[in-house]
Amino acid sequence: MSGFVCPKCTHENQIFKATTGGGVALAKEMGIPFLGEVPLDPRIGMACDYGESFFDAYPDSPACKALKRVVKGLAREIGEEVLPDD
């Protein structure tokens, strides 16, 4: 789990102390690529609750940018292009 992003100032705080190596360690253990970290952002849930696209509503948020990096990384792994370059 990654940090928490303040929806007002977009500052990211690590609210959960890393204890196990997280996703990086798990990916290494399983022999798969680590695609990235996505910070917690309460606006993701709010957008979903209202049936809105988080990507359209908050394109410059750290969480949106992180999600796009993960999607692009996954697309590279499967040999597909799914998002245009920014």
PDB file of N, CA and C in Angstrom:
ATOM      1  N   MET A   1       0.848  -1.169   0.000  1.00  0.00           N
ATOM      2  CA  MET A   1       0.000   0.000   0.000  1.00  0.00           C
ATOM      3  C   MET A   1       0.893   1.230   0.000  1.00  0.00           C
ATOM      4  N   SER A   2       0.544   2.174  -0.808  1.00  0.00           N
ATOM      5  CA  SER A   2       1.347   3.382  -0.914  1.00  0.00           C
ATOM      6  C   SER A   2       0.824   4.443   0.047  1.00  0.00           C
ATOM      7  N   GLY A   3       1.356   5.637  -0.062  1.00  0.00           N
ATOM      8  CA  GLY A   3       0.989   6.715   0.848  1.00  0.00           C
ATOM      9  C   GLY A   3      -0.402   7.273   0.608  1.00  0.00           C
ATOM     10  N   PHE A   4      -0.745   8.276   1.410  1.00  0.00           N
ATOM     11  CA  PHE A   4      -2.018   8.981   1.310  1.00  0.00           C
ATOM     12  C   PHE A   4      -1.766  10.342   0.685  1.00  0.00           C
ATOM     13  N   VAL A   5      -2.578  10.715  -0.293  1.00  0.00           N
ATOM     14  CA  VAL A   5      -2.448  12.012  -0.952  1.00  0.00           C
ATOM     15  C   VAL A   5      -3.538  12.942  -0.437  1.00  0.00           C
ATOM     16  N   CYS A   6      -3.132  14.095   0.063  1.00  0.00           N
ATOM     17  CA  CYS A   6      -4.085  15.109   0.506  1.00  0.00           C
ATOM     18  C   CYS A   6      -4.790  15.679  -0.720  1.00  0.00           C
ATOM     19  N   PRO A   7      -6.126  15.626  -0.756  1.00  0.00           N
ATOM     20  CA  PRO A   7      -6.831  16.137  -1.925  1.00  0.00           C
ATOM     21  C   PRO A   7      -6.741  17.658  -2.082  1.00  0.00           C
ATOM     22  N   LYS A   8      -6.371  18.353  -1.029  1.00  0.00           N
ATOM     23  CA  LYS A   8      -6.267  19.821  -1.107  1.00  0.00           C
ATOM     24  C   LYS A   8      -4.925  20.262  -1.690  1.00  0.00           C
ATOM     25  N   CYS A   9      -3.828  19.751  -1.111  1.00  0.00           N
ATOM     26  CA  CYS A   9      -2.500  20.226  -1.529  1.00  0.00           C
ATOM     27  C   CYS A   9      -1.719  19.196  -2.341  1.00  0.00           C
ATOM     28  N   THR A  10      -2.218  17.987  -2.459  1.00  0.00           N
ATOM     29  CA  THR A  10      -1.617  16.842  -3.149  1.00  0.00           C
ATOM     30  C   THR A  10      -0.306  16.364  -2.530  1.00  0.00           C
ATOM     31  N   HIS A  11      -0.035  16.767  -1.287  1.00  0.00           N
ATOM     32  CA  HIS A  11       1.148  16.254  -0.588  1.00  0.00           C
ATOM     33  C   HIS A  11       0.904  14.791  -0.226  1.00  0.00           C
ATOM     34  N   GLU A  12       1.928  13.966  -0.372  1.00  0.00           N
ATOM     35  CA  GLU A  12       1.800  12.543  -0.061  1.00  0.00           C
ATOM     36  C   GLU A  12       2.478  12.226   1.263  1.00  0.00           C
ATOM     37  N   ASN A  13       1.748  11.546   2.147  1.00  0.00           N
ATOM     38  CA  ASN A  13       2.269  11.092   3.434  1.00  0.00           C
ATOM     39  C   ASN A  13       2.256   9.576   3.478  1.00  0.00           C
ATOM     40  N   GLN A  14       3.284   9.001   4.062  1.00  0.00           N
ATOM     41  CA  GLN A  14       3.324   7.556   4.269  1.00  0.00           C
ATOM     42  C   GLN A  14       2.645   7.265   5.605  1.00  0.00           C
ATOM     43  N   ILE A  15       1.377   6.848   5.572  1.00  0.00           N
ATOM     44  CA  ILE A  15       0.631   6.642   6.811  1.00  0.00           C
ATOM     45  C   ILE A  15       0.766   5.218   7.344  1.00  0.00           C
ATOM     46  N   PHE A  16       1.228   4.312   6.519  1.00  0.00           N
ATOM     47  CA  PHE A  16       1.464   2.934   6.952  1.00  0.00           C
ATOM     48  C   PHE A  16       2.956   2.664   6.877  1.00  0.00           C
ATOM     49  N   LYS A  17       3.553   2.369   8.007  1.00  0.00           N
ATOM     50  CA  LYS A  17       4.988   2.102   8.047  1.00  0.00           C
ATOM     51  C   LYS A  17       5.293   0.802   7.299  1.00  0.00           C
ATOM     52  N   ALA A  18       6.239   0.880   6.385  1.00  0.00           N
ATOM     53  CA  ALA A  18       6.632  -0.310   5.621  1.00  0.00           C
ATOM     54  C   ALA A  18       7.289  -1.322   6.546  1.00  0.00           C
ATOM     55  N   THR A  19       6.811  -2.563   6.500  1.00  0.00           N
ATOM     56  CA  THR A  19       7.360  -3.599   7.376  1.00  0.00           C
ATOM     57  C   THR A  19       7.800  -4.850   6.635  1.00  0.00           C
ATOM     58  N   THR A  20       7.277  -5.078   5.439  1.00  0.00           N
ATOM     59  CA  THR A  20       7.551  -6.350   4.765  1.00  0.00           C
ATOM     60  C   THR A  20       8.179  -6.207   3.389  1.00  0.00           C
ATOM     61  N   GLY A  21       8.356  -5.010   2.912  1.00  0.00           N
ATOM     62  CA  GLY A  21       8.866  -4.834   1.554  1.00  0.00           C
ATOM     63  C   GLY A  21       7.758  -4.625   0.556  1.00  0.00           C
ATOM     64  N   GLY A  22       6.520  -4.834   0.983  1.00  0.00           N
ATOM     65  CA  GLY A  22       5.349  -4.536   0.169  1.00  0.00           C
ATOM     66  C   GLY A  22       5.325  -5.220  -1.177  1.00  0.00           C
ATOM     67  N   GLY A  23       4.784  -4.487  -2.143  1.00  0.00           N
ATOM     68  CA  GLY A  23       4.603  -5.022  -3.489  1.00  0.00           C
ATOM     69  C   GLY A  23       5.896  -5.342  -4.197  1.00  0.00           C
ATOM     70  N   VAL A  24       6.938  -4.564  -3.908  1.00  0.00           N
ATOM     71  CA  VAL A  24       8.241  -4.824  -4.544  1.00  0.00           C
ATOM     72  C   VAL A  24       8.743  -6.208  -4.141  1.00  0.00           C
ATOM     73  N   ALA A  25       8.681  -6.497  -2.846  1.00  0.00           N
ATOM     74  CA  ALA A  25       9.145  -7.798  -2.352  1.00  0.00           C
ATOM     75  C   ALA A  25       8.274  -8.935  -2.881  1.00  0.00           C
ATOM     76  N   LEU A  26       6.966  -8.724  -2.903  1.00  0.00           N
ATOM     77  CA  LEU A  26       6.060  -9.764  -3.394  1.00  0.00           C
ATOM     78  C   LEU A  26       6.304 -10.054  -4.872  1.00  0.00           C
ATOM     79  N   ALA A  27       6.464  -9.002  -5.672  1.00  0.00           N
ATOM     80  CA  ALA A  27       6.733  -9.198  -7.100  1.00  0.00           C
ATOM     81  C   ALA A  27       8.040  -9.958  -7.302  1.00  0.00           C
ATOM     82  N   LYS A  28       9.055  -9.585  -6.532  1.00  0.00           N
ATOM     83  CA  LYS A  28      10.349 -10.273  -6.641  1.00  0.00           C
ATOM     84  C   LYS A  28      10.208 -11.743  -6.265  1.00  0.00           C
ATOM     85  N   GLU A  29       9.497 -12.007  -5.165  1.00  0.00           N
ATOM     86  CA  GLU A  29       9.291 -13.384  -4.705  1.00  0.00           C
ATOM     87  C   GLU A  29       8.555 -14.218  -5.750  1.00  0.00           C
ATOM     88  N   MET A  30       7.604 -13.602  -6.438  1.00  0.00           N
ATOM     89  CA  MET A  30       6.808 -14.324  -7.426  1.00  0.00           C
ATOM     90  C   MET A  30       7.440 -14.324  -8.816  1.00  0.00           C
ATOM     91  N   GLY A  31       8.530 -13.575  -8.981  1.00  0.00           N
ATOM     92  CA  GLY A  31       9.205 -13.533 -10.270  1.00  0.00           C
ATOM     93  C   GLY A  31       8.434 -12.771 -11.333  1.00  0.00           C
ATOM     94  N   ILE A  32       7.715 -11.756 -10.895  1.00  0.00           N
ATOM     95  CA  ILE A  32       6.954 -10.937 -11.836  1.00  0.00           C
ATOM     96  C   ILE A  32       7.393  -9.480 -11.704  1.00  0.00           C
ATOM     97  N   PRO A  33       7.165  -8.666 -12.737  1.00  0.00           N
ATOM     98  CA  PRO A  33       7.584  -7.263 -12.646  1.00  0.00           C
ATOM     99  C   PRO A  33       6.722  -6.486 -11.652  1.00  0.00           C
ATOM    100  N   PHE A  34       7.355  -5.576 -10.954  1.00  0.00           N
ATOM    101  CA  PHE A  34       6.631  -4.652 -10.080  1.00  0.00           C
ATOM    102  C   PHE A  34       6.179  -3.490 -10.947  1.00  0.00           C
ATOM    103  N   LEU A  35       4.882  -3.257 -11.009  1.00  0.00           N
ATOM    104  CA  LEU A  35       4.341  -2.249 -11.918  1.00  0.00           C
ATOM    105  C   LEU A  35       4.243  -0.857 -11.307  1.00  0.00           C
ATOM    106  N   GLY A  36       4.272  -0.742  -9.991  1.00  0.00           N
ATOM    107  CA  GLY A  36       4.258   0.583  -9.381  1.00  0.00           C
ATOM    108  C   GLY A  36       3.396   0.672  -8.149  1.00  0.00           C
ATOM    109  N   GLU A  37       3.449   1.852  -7.554  1.00  0.00           N
ATOM    110  CA  GLU A  37       2.677   2.157  -6.350  1.00  0.00           C
ATOM    111  C   GLU A  37       1.627   3.198  -6.689  1.00  0.00           C
ATOM    112  N   VAL A  38       0.443   3.038  -6.134  1.00  0.00           N
ATOM    113  CA  VAL A  38      -0.625   4.016  -6.325  1.00  0.00           C
ATOM    114  C   VAL A  38      -1.001   4.559  -4.952  1.00  0.00           C
ATOM    115  N   PRO A  39      -0.835   5.867  -4.755  1.00  0.00           N
ATOM    116  CA  PRO A  39      -1.175   6.431  -3.453  1.00  0.00           C
ATOM    117  C   PRO A  39      -2.684   6.426  -3.211  1.00  0.00           C
ATOM    118  N   LEU A  40      -3.046   6.309  -1.950  1.00  0.00           N
ATOM    119  CA  LEU A  40      -4.451   6.395  -1.572  1.00  0.00           C
ATOM    120  C   LEU A  40      -4.942   7.814  -1.837  1.00  0.00           C
ATOM    121  N   ASP A  41      -6.088   7.935  -2.441  1.00  0.00           N
ATOM    122  CA  ASP A  41      -6.686   9.246  -2.700  1.00  0.00           C
ATOM    123  C   ASP A  41      -8.192   9.087  -2.522  1.00  0.00           C
ATOM    124  N   PRO A  42      -8.772   9.755  -1.532  1.00  0.00           N
ATOM    125  CA  PRO A  42     -10.206   9.591  -1.278  1.00  0.00           C
ATOM    126  C   PRO A  42     -11.082  10.003  -2.458  1.00  0.00           C
ATOM    127  N   ARG A  43     -10.535  10.783  -3.367  1.00  0.00           N
ATOM    128  CA  ARG A  43     -11.321  11.213  -4.525  1.00  0.00           C
ATOM    129  C   ARG A  43     -11.593  10.064  -5.494  1.00  0.00           C
ATOM    130  N   ILE A  44     -10.789   8.986  -5.428  1.00  0.00           N
ATOM    131  CA  ILE A  44     -11.058   7.817  -6.280  1.00  0.00           C
ATOM    132  C   ILE A  44     -12.416   7.233  -5.906  1.00  0.00           C
ATOM    133  N   GLY A  45     -12.627   7.006  -4.616  1.00  0.00           N
ATOM    134  CA  GLY A  45     -13.906   6.473  -4.143  1.00  0.00           C
ATOM    135  C   GLY A  45     -15.065   7.409  -4.419  1.00  0.00           C
ATOM    136  N   MET A  46     -14.827   8.711  -4.229  1.00  0.00           N
ATOM    137  CA  MET A  46     -15.889   9.690  -4.481  1.00  0.00           C
ATOM    138  C   MET A  46     -16.284   9.688  -5.954  1.00  0.00           C
ATOM    139  N   ALA A  47     -15.303   9.642  -6.831  1.00  0.00           N
ATOM    140  CA  ALA A  47     -15.602   9.612  -8.264  1.00  0.00           C
ATOM    141  C   ALA A  47     -16.406   8.362  -8.609  1.00  0.00           C
ATOM    142  N   CYS A  48     -16.009   7.231  -8.050  1.00  0.00           N
ATOM    143  CA  CYS A  48     -16.743   5.983  -8.302  1.00  0.00           C
ATOM    144  C   CYS A  48     -18.173   6.071  -7.772  1.00  0.00           C
ATOM    145  N   ASP A  49     -18.335   6.633  -6.559  1.00  0.00           N
ATOM    146  CA  ASP A  49     -19.671   6.773  -5.971  1.00  0.00           C
ATOM    147  C   ASP A  49     -20.600   7.601  -6.848  1.00  0.00           C
ATOM    148  N   TYR A  50     -20.048   8.600  -7.523  1.00  0.00           N
ATOM    149  CA  TYR A  50     -20.859   9.490  -8.359  1.00  0.00           C
ATOM    150  C   TYR A  50     -20.870   9.081  -9.831  1.00  0.00           C
ATOM    151  N   GLY A  51     -20.260   7.948 -10.134  1.00  0.00           N
ATOM    152  CA  GLY A  51     -20.250   7.467 -11.511  1.00  0.00           C
ATOM    153  C   GLY A  51     -19.410   8.319 -12.442  1.00  0.00           C
ATOM    154  N   GLU A  52     -18.394   8.980 -11.884  1.00  0.00           N
ATOM    155  CA  GLU A  52     -17.522   9.841 -12.675  1.00  0.00           C
ATOM    156  C   GLU A  52     -16.191   9.149 -12.933  1.00  0.00           C
ATOM    157  N   SER A  53     -15.515   9.596 -13.948  1.00  0.00           N
ATOM    158  CA  SER A  53     -14.181   9.087 -14.242  1.00  0.00           C
ATOM    159  C   SER A  53     -13.154   9.837 -13.401  1.00  0.00           C
ATOM    160  N   PHE A  54     -12.443   9.122 -12.553  1.00  0.00           N
ATOM    161  CA  PHE A  54     -11.376   9.736 -11.760  1.00  0.00           C
ATOM    162  C   PHE A  54     -10.315  10.318 -12.683  1.00  0.00           C
ATOM    163  N   PHE A  55     -10.039   9.629 -13.783  1.00  0.00           N
ATOM    164  CA  PHE A  55      -9.029  10.086 -14.738  1.00  0.00           C
ATOM    165  C   PHE A  55      -9.417  11.424 -15.364  1.00  0.00           C
ATOM    166  N   ASP A  56     -10.693  11.590 -15.674  1.00  0.00           N
ATOM    167  CA  ASP A  56     -11.153  12.850 -16.272  1.00  0.00           C
ATOM    168  C   ASP A  56     -11.257  13.965 -15.237  1.00  0.00           C
ATOM    169  N   ALA A  57     -11.706  13.621 -14.040  1.00  0.00           N
ATOM    170  CA  ALA A  57     -11.925  14.632 -13.004  1.00  0.00           C
ATOM    171  C   ALA A  57     -10.622  15.143 -12.389  1.00  0.00           C
ATOM    172  N   TYR A  58      -9.623  14.268 -12.246  1.00  0.00           N
ATOM    173  CA  TYR A  58      -8.377  14.639 -11.554  1.00  0.00           C
ATOM    174  C   TYR A  58      -7.149  14.170 -12.333  1.00  0.00           C
ATOM    175  N   PRO A  59      -7.002  14.589 -13.579  1.00  0.00           N
ATOM    176  CA  PRO A  59      -5.915  14.068 -14.412  1.00  0.00           C
ATOM    177  C   PRO A  59      -4.513  14.392 -13.907  1.00  0.00           C
ATOM    178  N   ASP A  60      -4.366  15.439 -13.120  1.00  0.00           N
ATOM    179  CA  ASP A  60      -3.038  15.824 -12.634  1.00  0.00           C
ATOM    180  C   ASP A  60      -2.737  15.321 -11.232  1.00  0.00           C
ATOM    181  N   SER A  61      -3.653  14.547 -10.650  1.00  0.00           N
ATOM    182  CA  SER A  61      -3.421  14.054  -9.289  1.00  0.00           C
ATOM    183  C   SER A  61      -2.321  12.991  -9.288  1.00  0.00           C
ATOM    184  N   PRO A  62      -1.579  12.888  -8.193  1.00  0.00           N
ATOM    185  CA  PRO A  62      -0.544  11.853  -8.102  1.00  0.00           C
ATOM    186  C   PRO A  62      -1.102  10.442  -8.311  1.00  0.00           C
ATOM    187  N   ALA A  63      -2.299  10.176  -7.799  1.00  0.00           N
ATOM    188  CA  ALA A  63      -2.884   8.841  -7.954  1.00  0.00           C
ATOM    189  C   ALA A  63      -3.219   8.552  -9.412  1.00  0.00           C
ATOM    190  N   CYS A  64      -3.756   9.530 -10.111  1.00  0.00           N
ATOM    191  CA  CYS A  64      -4.082   9.339 -11.528  1.00  0.00           C
ATOM    192  C   CYS A  64      -2.817   9.074 -12.334  1.00  0.00           C
ATOM    193  N   LYS A  65      -1.796   9.867 -12.090  1.00  0.00           N
ATOM    194  CA  LYS A  65      -0.531   9.678 -12.805  1.00  0.00           C
ATOM    195  C   LYS A  65       0.068   8.307 -12.500  1.00  0.00           C
ATOM    196  N   ALA A  66      -0.020   7.883 -11.238  1.00  0.00           N
ATOM    197  CA  ALA A  66       0.514   6.572 -10.853  1.00  0.00           C
ATOM    198  C   ALA A  66      -0.278   5.446 -11.511  1.00  0.00           C
ATOM    199  N   LEU A  67      -1.600   5.560 -11.519  1.00  0.00           N
ATOM    200  CA  LEU A  67      -2.428   4.541 -12.165  1.00  0.00           C
ATOM    201  C   LEU A  67      -2.096   4.427 -13.649  1.00  0.00           C
ATOM    202  N   LYS A  68      -1.885   5.564 -14.306  1.00  0.00           N
ATOM    203  CA  LYS A  68      -1.535   5.534 -15.727  1.00  0.00           C
ATOM    204  C   LYS A  68      -0.187   4.853 -15.950  1.00  0.00           C
ATOM    205  N   ARG A  69       0.774   5.094 -15.048  1.00  0.00           N
ATOM    206  CA  ARG A  69       2.078   4.415 -15.171  1.00  0.00           C
ATOM    207  C   ARG A  69       1.915   2.905 -15.017  1.00  0.00           C
ATOM    208  N   VAL A  70       1.074   2.474 -14.075  1.00  0.00           N
ATOM    209  CA  VAL A  70       0.833   1.041 -13.874  1.00  0.00           C
ATOM    210  C   VAL A  70       0.178   0.441 -15.114  1.00  0.00           C
ATOM    211  N   VAL A  71      -0.833   1.115 -15.646  1.00  0.00           N
ATOM    212  CA  VAL A  71      -1.526   0.616 -16.839  1.00  0.00           C
ATOM    213  C   VAL A  71      -0.562   0.520 -18.018  1.00  0.00           C
ATOM    214  N   LYS A  72       0.258   1.546 -18.209  1.00  0.00           N
ATOM    215  CA  LYS A  72       1.223   1.517 -19.311  1.00  0.00           C
ATOM    216  C   LYS A  72       2.253   0.408 -19.118  1.00  0.00           C
ATOM    217  N   GLY A  73       2.681   0.196 -17.878  1.00  0.00           N
ATOM    218  CA  GLY A  73       3.626  -0.883 -17.598  1.00  0.00           C
ATOM    219  C   GLY A  73       3.022  -2.245 -17.890  1.00  0.00           C
ATOM    220  N   LEU A  74       1.772  -2.433 -17.505  1.00  0.00           N
ATOM    221  CA  LEU A  74       1.082  -3.686 -17.787  1.00  0.00           C
ATOM    222  C   LEU A  74       0.915  -3.873 -19.292  1.00  0.00           C
ATOM    223  N   ALA A  75       0.563  -2.798 -19.981  1.00  0.00           N
ATOM    224  CA  ALA A  75       0.406  -2.876 -21.437  1.00  0.00           C
ATOM    225  C   ALA A  75       1.715  -3.286 -22.106  1.00  0.00           C
ATOM    226  N   ARG A  76       2.829  -2.733 -21.632  1.00  0.00           N
ATOM    227  CA  ARG A  76       4.138  -3.132 -22.189  1.00  0.00           C
ATOM    228  C   ARG A  76       4.382  -4.622 -21.956  1.00  0.00           C
ATOM    229  N   GLU A  77       4.010  -5.102 -20.777  1.00  0.00           N
ATOM    230  CA  GLU A  77       4.226  -6.519 -20.455  1.00  0.00           C
ATOM    231  C   GLU A  77       3.430  -7.442 -21.371  1.00  0.00           C
ATOM    232  N   ILE A  78       2.245  -7.009 -21.778  1.00  0.00           N
ATOM    233  CA  ILE A  78       1.423  -7.869 -22.636  1.00  0.00           C
ATOM    234  C   ILE A  78       1.541  -7.501 -24.114  1.00  0.00           C
ATOM    235  N   GLY A  79       2.376  -6.497 -24.407  1.00  0.00           N
ATOM    236  CA  GLY A  79       2.623  -6.130 -25.792  1.00  0.00           C
ATOM    237  C   GLY A  79       1.512  -5.334 -26.444  1.00  0.00           C
ATOM    238  N   GLU A  80       0.792  -4.568 -25.661  1.00  0.00           N
ATOM    239  CA  GLU A  80      -0.299  -3.746 -26.188  1.00  0.00           C
ATOM    240  C   GLU A  80      -0.077  -2.290 -25.803  1.00  0.00           C
ATOM    241  N   GLU A  81      -0.604  -1.386 -26.611  1.00  0.00           N
ATOM    242  CA  GLU A  81      -0.591   0.034 -26.270  1.00  0.00           C
ATOM    243  C   GLU A  81      -2.023   0.421 -25.940  1.00  0.00           C
ATOM    244  N   VAL A  82      -2.263   0.853 -24.700  1.00  0.00           N
ATOM    245  CA  VAL A  82      -3.636   1.120 -24.294  1.00  0.00           C
ATOM    246  C   VAL A  82      -3.909   2.577 -23.954  1.00  0.00           C
ATOM    247  N   LEU A  83      -2.878   3.357 -23.685  1.00  0.00           N
ATOM    248  CA  LEU A  83      -3.051   4.771 -23.368  1.00  0.00           C
ATOM    249  C   LEU A  83      -2.120   5.598 -24.237  1.00  0.00           C
ATOM    250  N   PRO A  84      -2.598   6.731 -24.717  1.00  0.00           N
ATOM    251  CA  PRO A  84      -1.690   7.597 -25.480  1.00  0.00           C
ATOM    252  C   PRO A  84      -0.634   8.192 -24.561  1.00  0.00           C
ATOM    253  N   ASP A  85       0.517   8.531 -25.125  1.00  0.00           N
ATOM    254  CA  ASP A  85       1.545   9.205 -24.333  1.00  0.00           C
ATOM    255  C   ASP A  85       1.054  10.588 -23.967  1.00  0.00           C
ATOM    256  N   ASP A  86       1.412  11.023 -22.762  1.00  0.00           N
ATOM    257  CA  ASP A  86       0.997  12.362 -22.303  1.00  0.00           C
ATOM    258  C   ASP A  86       1.853  13.432 -22.914  1.00  0.00           C
TER     259      ASP A  86
END
